[in-house]
Structures are given as C-alpha cells and as structure tokens.
Amino acid sequence: MHELSIAAVVVESAEGVARVHGADAVAGVVPDALRCSFSLVAEGIALDRAELVVEEVSVRARCGDCDARFAVGSPAALWCPRCDTPAAELLTGRELELAEVRMAGSP
C-alpha cells in the first residue's frame, strides 16, 4: 500500500511549506503546474514516460446563514449568491487523491 506513503509525502511537504510561511491553510493545486512538476520529478526514473491524468473537481461551498450550496467559480467568490454572506465551509474542491497507477503493459 505505497499509495499511503505517497500521500503522506505530499501532505508533509505541503504542511512544511505552509509552516515556513506562517500559513495555517494551503491553497488549491493548479493542475497544469502539477502536471509540469510531475514530469520534472519523474524524469530519469521508472515513471519517465508516465502520464499524469488530473480529474478536476468543481469547488462548492455552503452558506452558514441560509444553508445554500453554490459553485465558487473562478476567480473564487466565497460569498453566498442568495443572501450575500460569507461561505461557512467548502464542500468540495479540496480533494487530492491518487486513484490509480497502471503499469506498462497492463490493460
């Protein structure tokens, strides 16, 4: 179950950067930057010709006042479109999951 180790490294790295910069939260991942970084890190090892497939999840939030659920959009708008108050929580869009690793020659 090496996926757990990979996830742990990602989390530890992001947490370390946040700590160094005094942040108590980490912003989202930019898919194109992640793909580019993956290619650089994978160069010269078994993953050299691997393809990273990123499935983006839309960001949705919940209003603390009227309980409306809404798409945050881009650029991010964290104010409820129904009652114009700040969002209470993000419901989706913070996920980072390694869903599958396929080996060369496998279906």
PDB file of N, CA and C in Angstrom:
ATOM      1  N   MET A   1       0.835  -1.171   0.000  1.00  0.00           N
ATOM      2  CA  MET A   1       0.000   0.000   0.000  1.00  0.00           C
ATOM      3  C   MET A   1       0.889   1.246   0.000  1.00  0.00           C
ATOM      4  N   HIS A   2       1.694   1.386  -1.044  1.00  0.00           N
ATOM      5  CA  HIS A   2       2.607   2.519  -1.118  1.00  0.00           C
ATOM      6  C   HIS A   2       1.887   3.823  -1.439  1.00  0.00           C
ATOM      7  N   GLU A   3       0.628   3.780  -1.858  1.00  0.00           N
ATOM      8  CA  GLU A   3      -0.141   4.996  -2.116  1.00  0.00           C
ATOM      9  C   GLU A   3      -0.241   5.851  -0.854  1.00  0.00           C
ATOM     10  N   LEU A   4      -0.391   5.196   0.283  1.00  0.00           N
ATOM     11  CA  LEU A   4      -0.470   5.927   1.541  1.00  0.00           C
ATOM     12  C   LEU A   4       0.834   6.671   1.806  1.00  0.00           C
ATOM     13  N   SER A   5       1.950   6.041   1.498  1.00  0.00           N
ATOM     14  CA  SER A   5       3.252   6.701   1.668  1.00  0.00           C
ATOM     15  C   SER A   5       3.377   7.913   0.760  1.00  0.00           C
ATOM     16  N   ILE A   6       2.912   7.770  -0.480  1.00  0.00           N
ATOM     17  CA  ILE A   6       2.963   8.891  -1.436  1.00  0.00           C
ATOM     18  C   ILE A   6       2.104  10.041  -0.925  1.00  0.00           C
ATOM     19  N   ALA A   7       0.892   9.715  -0.486  1.00  0.00           N
ATOM     20  CA  ALA A   7       0.000  10.751   0.037  1.00  0.00           C
ATOM     21  C   ALA A   7       0.622  11.429   1.251  1.00  0.00           C
ATOM     22  N   ALA A   8       1.261  10.661   2.108  1.00  0.00           N
ATOM     23  CA  ALA A   8       1.895  11.221   3.307  1.00  0.00           C
ATOM     24  C   ALA A   8       2.998  12.199   2.929  1.00  0.00           C
ATOM     25  N   VAL A   9       3.775  11.877   1.917  1.00  0.00           N
ATOM     26  CA  VAL A   9       4.850  12.767   1.476  1.00  0.00           C
ATOM     27  C   VAL A   9       4.271  14.065   0.931  1.00  0.00           C
ATOM     28  N   VAL A  10       3.204  13.971   0.143  1.00  0.00           N
ATOM     29  CA  VAL A  10       2.565  15.177  -0.395  1.00  0.00           C
ATOM     30  C   VAL A  10       2.070  16.055   0.745  1.00  0.00           C
ATOM     31  N   VAL A  11       1.387  15.455   1.701  1.00  0.00           N
ATOM     32  CA  VAL A  11       0.844  16.211   2.832  1.00  0.00           C
ATOM     33  C   VAL A  11       1.965  16.816   3.673  1.00  0.00           C
ATOM     34  N   GLU A  12       2.992  16.045   3.973  1.00  0.00           N
ATOM     35  CA  GLU A  12       4.104  16.554   4.774  1.00  0.00           C
ATOM     36  C   GLU A  12       4.806  17.708   4.073  1.00  0.00           C
ATOM     37  N   SER A  13       4.997  17.584   2.783  1.00  0.00           N
ATOM     38  CA  SER A  13       5.669  18.641   2.027  1.00  0.00           C
ATOM     39  C   SER A  13       4.851  19.930   2.036  1.00  0.00           C
ATOM     40  N   ALA A  14       3.558  19.805   1.747  1.00  0.00           N
ATOM     41  CA  ALA A  14       2.701  20.992   1.736  1.00  0.00           C
ATOM     42  C   ALA A  14       2.610  21.625   3.115  1.00  0.00           C
ATOM     43  N   GLU A  15       2.523  20.796   4.154  1.00  0.00           N
ATOM     44  CA  GLU A  15       2.451  21.307   5.515  1.00  0.00           C
ATOM     45  C   GLU A  15       3.750  22.028   5.892  1.00  0.00           C
ATOM     46  N   GLY A  16       4.882  21.488   5.459  1.00  0.00           N
ATOM     47  CA  GLY A  16       6.162  22.117   5.747  1.00  0.00           C
ATOM     48  C   GLY A  16       6.287  23.487   5.114  1.00  0.00           C
ATOM     49  N   VAL A  17       5.848  23.609   3.873  1.00  0.00           N
ATOM     50  CA  VAL A  17       5.886  24.903   3.181  1.00  0.00           C
ATOM     51  C   VAL A  17       4.970  25.890   3.896  1.00  0.00           C
ATOM     52  N   ALA A  18       3.770  25.436   4.263  1.00  0.00           N
ATOM     53  CA  ALA A  18       2.827  26.313   4.969  1.00  0.00           C
ATOM     54  C   ALA A  18       3.425  26.793   6.289  1.00  0.00           C
ATOM     55  N   ARG A  19       4.064  25.884   7.015  1.00  0.00           N
ATOM     56  CA  ARG A  19       4.660  26.228   8.307  1.00  0.00           C
ATOM     57  C   ARG A  19       5.765  27.274   8.146  1.00  0.00           C
ATOM     58  N   VAL A  20       6.629  27.080   7.146  1.00  0.00           N
ATOM     59  CA  VAL A  20       7.727  28.015   6.899  1.00  0.00           C
ATOM     60  C   VAL A  20       7.197  29.416   6.607  1.00  0.00           C
ATOM     61  N   HIS A  21       6.067  29.486   5.912  1.00  0.00           N
ATOM     62  CA  HIS A  21       5.497  30.782   5.531  1.00  0.00           C
ATOM     63  C   HIS A  21       4.457  31.293   6.527  1.00  0.00           C
ATOM     64  N   GLY A  22       4.278  30.584   7.642  1.00  0.00           N
ATOM     65  CA  GLY A  22       3.351  31.028   8.668  1.00  0.00           C
ATOM     66  C   GLY A  22       1.887  30.910   8.277  1.00  0.00           C
ATOM     67  N   ALA A  23       1.571  30.051   7.311  1.00  0.00           N
ATOM     68  CA  ALA A  23       0.182  29.887   6.871  1.00  0.00           C
ATOM     69  C   ALA A  23      -0.484  28.768   7.659  1.00  0.00           C
ATOM     70  N   ASP A  24      -1.775  28.927   7.915  1.00  0.00           N
ATOM     71  CA  ASP A  24      -2.498  27.844   8.582  1.00  0.00           C
ATOM     72  C   ASP A  24      -3.427  27.121   7.618  1.00  0.00           C
ATOM     73  N   ALA A  25      -3.304  27.415   6.318  1.00  0.00           N
ATOM     74  CA  ALA A  25      -4.064  26.714   5.284  1.00  0.00           C
ATOM     75  C   ALA A  25      -3.255  26.735   3.994  1.00  0.00           C
ATOM     76  N   VAL A  26      -3.504  25.781   3.140  1.00  0.00           N
ATOM     77  CA  VAL A  26      -2.809  25.687   1.856  1.00  0.00           C
ATOM     78  C   VAL A  26      -3.834  25.842   0.753  1.00  0.00           C
ATOM     79  N   ALA A  27      -3.528  26.660  -0.239  1.00  0.00           N
ATOM     80  CA  ALA A  27      -4.444  26.906  -1.360  1.00  0.00           C
ATOM     81  C   ALA A  27      -4.491  25.702  -2.287  1.00  0.00           C
ATOM     82  N   GLY A  28      -5.382  25.744  -3.221  1.00  0.00           N
ATOM     83  CA  GLY A  28      -5.567  24.653  -4.167  1.00  0.00           C
ATOM     84  C   GLY A  28      -4.373  24.412  -5.067  1.00  0.00           C
ATOM     85  N   VAL A  29      -4.426  23.302  -5.738  1.00  0.00           N
ATOM     86  CA  VAL A  29      -3.377  22.898  -6.662  1.00  0.00           C
ATOM     87  C   VAL A  29      -3.763  23.335  -8.066  1.00  0.00           C
ATOM     88  N   VAL A  30      -2.831  23.915  -8.797  1.00  0.00           N
ATOM     89  CA  VAL A  30      -3.056  24.301 -10.187  1.00  0.00           C
ATOM     90  C   VAL A  30      -2.709  23.088 -11.043  1.00  0.00           C
ATOM     91  N   PRO A  31      -3.707  22.497 -11.720  1.00  0.00           N
ATOM     92  CA  PRO A  31      -3.484  21.250 -12.461  1.00  0.00           C
ATOM     93  C   PRO A  31      -2.322  21.299 -13.460  1.00  0.00           C
ATOM     94  N   ASP A  32      -2.194  22.379 -14.236  1.00  0.00           N
ATOM     95  CA  ASP A  32      -1.098  22.454 -15.213  1.00  0.00           C
ATOM     96  C   ASP A  32       0.264  22.487 -14.529  1.00  0.00           C
ATOM     97  N   ALA A  33       0.354  23.197 -13.418  1.00  0.00           N
ATOM     98  CA  ALA A  33       1.615  23.236 -12.673  1.00  0.00           C
ATOM     99  C   ALA A  33       1.934  21.871 -12.085  1.00  0.00           C
ATOM    100  N   LEU A  34       0.901  21.154 -11.625  1.00  0.00           N
ATOM    101  CA  LEU A  34       1.107  19.804 -11.091  1.00  0.00           C
ATOM    102  C   LEU A  34       1.610  18.866 -12.185  1.00  0.00           C
ATOM    103  N   ARG A  35       1.026  18.937 -13.366  1.00  0.00           N
ATOM    104  CA  ARG A  35       1.478  18.086 -14.489  1.00  0.00           C
ATOM    105  C   ARG A  35       2.939  18.367 -14.830  1.00  0.00           C
ATOM    106  N   CYS A  36       3.282  19.630 -14.898  1.00  0.00           N
ATOM    107  CA  CYS A  36       4.663  20.022 -15.226  1.00  0.00           C
ATOM    108  C   CYS A  36       5.618  19.532 -14.141  1.00  0.00           C
ATOM    109  N   SER A  37       5.240  19.723 -12.894  1.00  0.00           N
ATOM    110  CA  SER A  37       6.087  19.280 -11.782  1.00  0.00           C
ATOM    111  C   SER A  37       6.261  17.768 -11.796  1.00  0.00           C
ATOM    112  N   PHE A  38       5.178  17.054 -12.082  1.00  0.00           N
ATOM    113  CA  PHE A  38       5.225  15.596 -12.152  1.00  0.00           C
ATOM    114  C   PHE A  38       6.236  15.158 -13.214  1.00  0.00           C
ATOM    115  N   SER A  39       6.187  15.775 -14.379  1.00  0.00           N
ATOM    116  CA  SER A  39       7.122  15.424 -15.464  1.00  0.00           C
ATOM    117  C   SER A  39       8.565  15.648 -15.051  1.00  0.00           C
ATOM    118  N   LEU A  40       8.814  16.758 -14.360  1.00  0.00           N
ATOM    119  CA  LEU A  40      10.178  17.056 -13.920  1.00  0.00           C
ATOM    120  C   LEU A  40      10.672  16.051 -12.882  1.00  0.00           C
ATOM    121  N   VAL A  41       9.819  15.725 -11.929  1.00  0.00           N
ATOM    122  CA  VAL A  41      10.203  14.799 -10.862  1.00  0.00           C
ATOM    123  C   VAL A  41      10.359  13.377 -11.386  1.00  0.00           C
ATOM    124  N   ALA A  42       9.538  12.998 -12.377  1.00  0.00           N
ATOM    125  CA  ALA A  42       9.549  11.633 -12.906  1.00  0.00           C
ATOM    126  C   ALA A  42      10.678  11.381 -13.907  1.00  0.00           C
ATOM    127  N   GLU A  43      11.331  12.432 -14.376  1.00  0.00           N
ATOM    128  CA  GLU A  43      12.367  12.307 -15.394  1.00  0.00           C
ATOM    129  C   GLU A  43      13.523  11.421 -14.916  1.00  0.00           C
ATOM    130  N   GLY A  44      13.871  10.444 -15.752  1.00  0.00           N
ATOM    131  CA  GLY A  44      15.016   9.591 -15.473  1.00  0.00           C
ATOM    132  C   GLY A  44      14.744   8.415 -14.544  1.00  0.00           C
ATOM    133  N   ILE A  45      13.498   8.221 -14.129  1.00  0.00           N
ATOM    134  CA  ILE A  45      13.160   7.075 -13.281  1.00  0.00           C
ATOM    135  C   ILE A  45      12.083   6.238 -13.983  1.00  0.00           C
ATOM    136  N   ALA A  46      11.558   5.234 -13.305  1.00  0.00           N
ATOM    137  CA  ALA A  46      10.581   4.324 -13.919  1.00  0.00           C
ATOM    138  C   ALA A  46       9.335   5.043 -14.420  1.00  0.00           C
ATOM    139  N   LEU A  47       9.057   6.226 -13.901  1.00  0.00           N
ATOM    140  CA  LEU A  47       7.880   6.978 -14.321  1.00  0.00           C
ATOM    141  C   LEU A  47       8.171   7.958 -15.450  1.00  0.00           C
ATOM    142  N   ASP A  48       9.346   7.865 -16.043  1.00  0.00           N
ATOM    143  CA  ASP A  48       9.811   8.830 -17.042  1.00  0.00           C
ATOM    144  C   ASP A  48       8.805   9.092 -18.160  1.00  0.00           C
ATOM    145  N   ARG A  49       8.129   8.065 -18.625  1.00  0.00           N
ATOM    146  CA  ARG A  49       7.159   8.245 -19.713  1.00  0.00           C
ATOM    147  C   ARG A  49       5.718   8.136 -19.221  1.00  0.00           C
ATOM    148  N   ALA A  50       5.542   8.231 -17.919  1.00  0.00           N
ATOM    149  CA  ALA A  50       4.201   8.114 -17.345  1.00  0.00           C
ATOM    150  C   ALA A  50       3.378   9.361 -17.643  1.00  0.00           C
ATOM    151  N   GLU A  51       2.086   9.172 -17.704  1.00  0.00           N
ATOM    152  CA  GLU A  51       1.164  10.276 -17.913  1.00  0.00           C
ATOM    153  C   GLU A  51       0.382  10.510 -16.621  1.00  0.00           C
ATOM    154  N   LEU A  52       0.332  11.744 -16.201  1.00  0.00           N
ATOM    155  CA  LEU A  52      -0.457  12.111 -15.032  1.00  0.00           C
ATOM    156  C   LEU A  52      -1.807  12.617 -15.530  1.00  0.00           C
ATOM    157  N   VAL A  53      -2.869  11.950 -15.127  1.00  0.00           N
ATOM    158  CA  VAL A  53      -4.223  12.356 -15.512  1.00  0.00           C
ATOM    159  C   VAL A  53      -4.851  13.032 -14.298  1.00  0.00           C
ATOM    160  N   VAL A  54      -5.262  14.277 -14.468  1.00  0.00           N
ATOM    161  CA  VAL A  54      -5.850  15.041 -13.378  1.00  0.00           C
ATOM    162  C   VAL A  54      -7.338  15.219 -13.654  1.00  0.00           C
ATOM    163  N   GLU A  55      -8.144  14.789 -12.715  1.00  0.00           N
ATOM    164  CA  GLU A  55      -9.592  14.981 -12.816  1.00  0.00           C
ATOM    165  C   GLU A  55      -9.953  16.118 -11.864  1.00  0.00           C
ATOM    166  N   GLU A  56     -10.359  17.234 -12.429  1.00  0.00           N
ATOM    167  CA  GLU A  56     -10.668  18.391 -11.610  1.00  0.00           C
ATOM    168  C   GLU A  56     -12.072  18.275 -11.008  1.00  0.00           C
ATOM    169  N   VAL A  57     -12.192  18.690  -9.768  1.00  0.00           N
ATOM    170  CA  VAL A  57     -13.466  18.682  -9.052  1.00  0.00           C
ATOM    171  C   VAL A  57     -13.875  20.140  -8.846  1.00  0.00           C
ATOM    172  N   SER A  58     -15.110  20.478  -9.207  1.00  0.00           N
ATOM    173  CA  SER A  58     -15.545  21.861  -9.031  1.00  0.00           C
ATOM    174  C   SER A  58     -15.649  22.202  -7.547  1.00  0.00           C
ATOM    175  N   VAL A  59     -15.336  23.434  -7.241  1.00  0.00           N
ATOM    176  CA  VAL A  59     -15.369  23.896  -5.858  1.00  0.00           C
ATOM    177  C   VAL A  59     -16.793  24.344  -5.523  1.00  0.00           C
ATOM    178  N   ARG A  60     -17.329  23.767  -4.447  1.00  0.00           N
ATOM    179  CA  ARG A  60     -18.672  24.111  -3.980  1.00  0.00           C
ATOM    180  C   ARG A  60     -18.587  24.477  -2.506  1.00  0.00           C
ATOM    181  N   ALA A  61     -19.408  25.428  -2.105  1.00  0.00           N
ATOM    182  CA  ALA A  61     -19.407  25.906  -0.723  1.00  0.00           C
ATOM    183  C   ALA A  61     -20.823  25.888  -0.154  1.00  0.00           C
ATOM    184  N   ARG A  62     -20.900  26.066   1.176  1.00  0.00           N
ATOM    185  CA  ARG A  62     -22.187  26.130   1.866  1.00  0.00           C
ATOM    186  C   ARG A  62     -22.251  27.428   2.658  1.00  0.00           C
ATOM    187  N   CYS A  63     -23.388  28.091   2.572  1.00  0.00           N
ATOM    188  CA  CYS A  63     -23.616  29.330   3.306  1.00  0.00           C
ATOM    189  C   CYS A  63     -23.998  28.996   4.748  1.00  0.00           C
ATOM    190  N   GLY A  64     -23.416  29.717   5.694  1.00  0.00           N
ATOM    191  CA  GLY A  64     -23.728  29.496   7.095  1.00  0.00           C
ATOM    192  C   GLY A  64     -25.050  30.099   7.517  1.00  0.00           C
ATOM    193  N   ASP A  65     -25.526  31.097   6.792  1.00  0.00           N
ATOM    194  CA  ASP A  65     -26.779  31.756   7.169  1.00  0.00           C
ATOM    195  C   ASP A  65     -28.010  31.077   6.577  1.00  0.00           C
ATOM    196  N   CYS A  66     -28.013  30.896   5.257  1.00  0.00           N
ATOM    197  CA  CYS A  66     -29.223  30.356   4.616  1.00  0.00           C
ATOM    198  C   CYS A  66     -29.065  28.902   4.178  1.00  0.00           C
ATOM    199  N   ASP A  67     -27.903  28.305   4.407  1.00  0.00           N
ATOM    200  CA  ASP A  67     -27.611  26.908   4.079  1.00  0.00           C
ATOM    201  C   ASP A  67     -27.609  26.611   2.582  1.00  0.00           C
ATOM    202  N   ALA A  68     -27.548  27.630   1.744  1.00  0.00           N
ATOM    203  CA  ALA A  68     -27.470  27.417   0.293  1.00  0.00           C
ATOM    204  C   ALA A  68     -26.138  26.767  -0.058  1.00  0.00           C
ATOM    205  N   ARG A  69     -26.163  25.925  -1.071  1.00  0.00           N
ATOM    206  CA  ARG A  69     -24.938  25.337  -1.611  1.00  0.00           C
ATOM    207  C   ARG A  69     -24.724  25.938  -2.979  1.00  0.00           C
ATOM    208  N   PHE A  70     -23.462  26.362  -3.254  1.00  0.00           N
ATOM    209  CA  PHE A  70     -23.220  27.075  -4.506  1.00  0.00           C
ATOM    210  C   PHE A  70     -21.815  26.819  -5.034  1.00  0.00           C
ATOM    211  N   ALA A  71     -21.665  26.977  -6.357  1.00  0.00           N
ATOM    212  CA  ALA A  71     -20.357  26.858  -7.004  1.00  0.00           C
ATOM    213  C   ALA A  71     -19.557  28.113  -6.694  1.00  0.00           C
ATOM    214  N   VAL A  72     -18.299  27.927  -6.363  1.00  0.00           N
ATOM    215  CA  VAL A  72     -17.435  29.050  -6.006  1.00  0.00           C
ATOM    216  C   VAL A  72     -16.965  29.803  -7.243  1.00  0.00           C
ATOM    217  N   GLY A  73     -16.679  29.086  -8.328  1.00  0.00           N
ATOM    218  CA  GLY A  73     -16.257  29.720  -9.574  1.00  0.00           C
ATOM    219  C   GLY A  73     -14.801  30.127  -9.576  1.00  0.00           C
ATOM    220  N   SER A  74     -14.410  30.776 -10.657  1.00  0.00           N
ATOM    221  CA  SER A  74     -13.034  31.230 -10.811  1.00  0.00           C
ATOM    222  C   SER A  74     -13.043  32.593 -11.501  1.00  0.00           C
ATOM    223  N   PRO A  75     -12.517  33.621 -10.869  1.00  0.00           N
ATOM    224  CA  PRO A  75     -11.860  33.618  -9.574  1.00  0.00           C
ATOM    225  C   PRO A  75     -12.850  33.281  -8.462  1.00  0.00           C
ATOM    226  N   ALA A  76     -12.314  32.775  -7.371  1.00  0.00           N
ATOM    227  CA  ALA A  76     -13.146  32.290  -6.272  1.00  0.00           C
ATOM    228  C   ALA A  76     -14.008  33.400  -5.676  1.00  0.00           C
ATOM    229  N   ALA A  77     -15.301  33.101  -5.539  1.00  0.00           N
ATOM    230  CA  ALA A  77     -16.250  34.014  -4.896  1.00  0.00           C
ATOM    231  C   ALA A  77     -16.847  33.265  -3.710  1.00  0.00           C
ATOM    232  N   LEU A  78     -16.387  33.583  -2.521  1.00  0.00           N
ATOM    233  CA  LEU A  78     -16.807  32.859  -1.328  1.00  0.00           C
ATOM    234  C   LEU A  78     -17.968  33.541  -0.604  1.00  0.00           C
ATOM    235  N   TRP A  79     -18.784  34.270  -1.345  1.00  0.00           N
ATOM    236  CA  TRP A  79     -19.969  34.933  -0.795  1.00  0.00           C
ATOM    237  C   TRP A  79     -21.191  34.267  -1.377  1.00  0.00           C
ATOM    238  N   CYS A  80     -22.168  34.021  -0.536  1.00  0.00           N
ATOM    239  CA  CYS A  80     -23.403  33.359  -0.948  1.00  0.00           C
ATOM    240  C   CYS A  80     -24.153  34.214  -1.970  1.00  0.00           C
ATOM    241  N   PRO A  81     -24.499  33.633  -3.127  1.00  0.00           N
ATOM    242  CA  PRO A  81     -25.243  34.404  -4.123  1.00  0.00           C
ATOM    243  C   PRO A  81     -26.699  34.653  -3.716  1.00  0.00           C
ATOM    244  N   ARG A  82     -27.196  33.890  -2.747  1.00  0.00           N
ATOM    245  CA  ARG A  82     -28.590  34.045  -2.313  1.00  0.00           C
ATOM    246  C   ARG A  82     -28.746  35.160  -1.274  1.00  0.00           C
ATOM    247  N   CYS A  83     -27.875  35.168  -0.234  1.00  0.00           N
ATOM    248  CA  CYS A  83     -28.066  36.139   0.859  1.00  0.00           C
ATOM    249  C   CYS A  83     -26.859  37.053   1.075  1.00  0.00           C
ATOM    250  N   ASP A  84     -25.828  36.920   0.246  1.00  0.00           N
ATOM    251  CA  ASP A  84     -24.655  37.796   0.270  1.00  0.00           C
ATOM    252  C   ASP A  84     -23.896  37.788   1.602  1.00  0.00           C
ATOM    253  N   THR A  85     -23.747  36.597   2.186  1.00  0.00           N
ATOM    254  CA  THR A  85     -22.925  36.447   3.393  1.00  0.00           C
ATOM    255  C   THR A  85     -21.788  35.480   3.076  1.00  0.00           C
ATOM    256  N   PRO A  86     -20.724  35.475   3.870  1.00  0.00           N
ATOM    257  CA  PRO A  86     -19.585  34.593   3.590  1.00  0.00           C
ATOM    258  C   PRO A  86     -19.946  33.111   3.713  1.00  0.00           C
ATOM    259  N   ALA A  87     -19.261  32.306   2.920  1.00  0.00           N
ATOM    260  CA  ALA A  87     -19.448  30.852   2.988  1.00  0.00           C
ATOM    261  C   ALA A  87     -18.957  30.340   4.337  1.00  0.00           C
ATOM    262  N   ALA A  88     -19.658  29.338   4.858  1.00  0.00           N
ATOM    263  CA  ALA A  88     -19.278  28.742   6.141  1.00  0.00           C
ATOM    264  C   ALA A  88     -18.246  27.642   5.960  1.00  0.00           C
ATOM    265  N   GLU A  89     -18.324  26.935   4.819  1.00  0.00           N
ATOM    266  CA  GLU A  89     -17.385  25.836   4.591  1.00  0.00           C
ATOM    267  C   GLU A  89     -17.319  25.485   3.113  1.00  0.00           C
ATOM    268  N   LEU A  90     -16.193  24.909   2.726  1.00  0.00           N
ATOM    269  CA  LEU A  90     -16.060  24.341   1.388  1.00  0.00           C
ATOM    270  C   LEU A  90     -16.527  22.900   1.443  1.00  0.00           C
ATOM    271  N   LEU A  91     -17.402  22.535   0.524  1.00  0.00           N
ATOM    272  CA  LEU A  91     -17.931  21.171   0.493  1.00  0.00           C
ATOM    273  C   LEU A  91     -17.107  20.259  -0.407  1.00  0.00           C
ATOM    274  N   THR A  92     -16.679  20.771  -1.545  1.00  0.00           N
ATOM    275  CA  THR A  92     -15.866  20.000  -2.494  1.00  0.00           C
ATOM    276  C   THR A  92     -14.807  20.909  -3.103  1.00  0.00           C
ATOM    277  N   GLY A  93     -13.815  20.275  -3.719  1.00  0.00           N
ATOM    278  CA  GLY A  93     -12.783  21.029  -4.411  1.00  0.00           C
ATOM    279  C   GLY A  93     -11.460  21.072  -3.685  1.00  0.00           C
ATOM    280  N   ARG A  94     -11.371  20.419  -2.538  1.00  0.00           N
ATOM    281  CA  ARG A  94     -10.115  20.371  -1.789  1.00  0.00           C
ATOM    282  C   ARG A  94      -9.487  18.986  -1.863  1.00  0.00           C
ATOM    283  N   GLU A  95     -10.091  18.086  -2.623  1.00  0.00           N
ATOM    284  CA  GLU A  95      -9.650  16.706  -2.683  1.00  0.00           C
ATOM    285  C   GLU A  95      -8.335  16.572  -3.439  1.00  0.00           C
ATOM    286  N   LEU A  96      -7.512  15.666  -2.984  1.00  0.00           N
ATOM    287  CA  LEU A  96      -6.310  15.255  -3.698  1.00  0.00           C
ATOM    288  C   LEU A  96      -6.168  13.767  -3.449  1.00  0.00           C
ATOM    289  N   GLU A  97      -6.389  12.981  -4.491  1.00  0.00           N
ATOM    290  CA  GLU A  97      -6.418  11.532  -4.334  1.00  0.00           C
ATOM    291  C   GLU A  97      -5.641  10.876  -5.479  1.00  0.00           C
ATOM    292  N   LEU A  98      -4.794   9.945  -5.134  1.00  0.00           N
ATOM    293  CA  LEU A  98      -4.146   9.111  -6.132  1.00  0.00           C
ATOM    294  C   LEU A  98      -5.070   7.927  -6.354  1.00  0.00           C
ATOM    295  N   ALA A  99      -5.768   7.939  -7.470  1.00  0.00           N
ATOM    296  CA  ALA A  99      -6.839   6.950  -7.688  1.00  0.00           C
ATOM    297  C   ALA A  99      -6.308   5.667  -8.311  1.00  0.00           C
ATOM    298  N   GLU A 100      -5.294   5.737  -9.148  1.00  0.00           N
ATOM    299  CA  GLU A 100      -4.887   4.528  -9.864  1.00  0.00           C
ATOM    300  C   GLU A 100      -3.461   4.692 -10.395  1.00  0.00           C
ATOM    301  N   VAL A 101      -2.735   3.597 -10.389  1.00  0.00           N
ATOM    302  CA  VAL A 101      -1.421   3.524 -11.025  1.00  0.00           C
ATOM    303  C   VAL A 101      -1.464   2.317 -11.940  1.00  0.00           C
ATOM    304  N   ARG A 102      -1.233   2.540 -13.225  1.00  0.00           N
ATOM    305  CA  ARG A 102      -1.202   1.456 -14.187  1.00  0.00           C
ATOM    306  C   ARG A 102       0.235   1.201 -14.624  1.00  0.00           C
ATOM    307  N   MET A 103       0.614  -0.056 -14.643  1.00  0.00           N
ATOM    308  CA  MET A 103       1.961  -0.435 -15.062  1.00  0.00           C
ATOM    309  C   MET A 103       1.982  -0.607 -16.573  1.00  0.00           C
ATOM    310  N   ALA A 104       3.131  -0.411 -17.171  1.00  0.00           N
ATOM    311  CA  ALA A 104       3.284  -0.628 -18.618  1.00  0.00           C
ATOM    312  C   ALA A 104       2.879  -2.037 -18.977  1.00  0.00           C
ATOM    313  N   GLY A 105       2.080  -2.177 -20.016  1.00  0.00           N
ATOM    314  CA  GLY A 105       1.633  -3.494 -20.459  1.00  0.00           C
ATOM    315  C   GLY A 105       0.360  -3.966 -19.793  1.00  0.00           C
ATOM    316  N   SER A 106      -0.145  -3.238 -18.797  1.00  0.00           N
ATOM    317  CA  SER A 106      -1.400  -3.661 -18.165  1.00  0.00           C
ATOM    318  C   SER A 106      -2.565  -3.014 -18.905  1.00  0.00           C
ATOM    319  N   PRO A 107      -3.741  -3.657 -18.868  1.00  0.00           N
ATOM    320  CA  PRO A 107      -4.896  -3.121 -19.614  1.00  0.00           C
ATOM    321  C   PRO A 107      -5.416  -1.827 -19.060  1.00  0.00           C
TER     322      PRO A 107
END
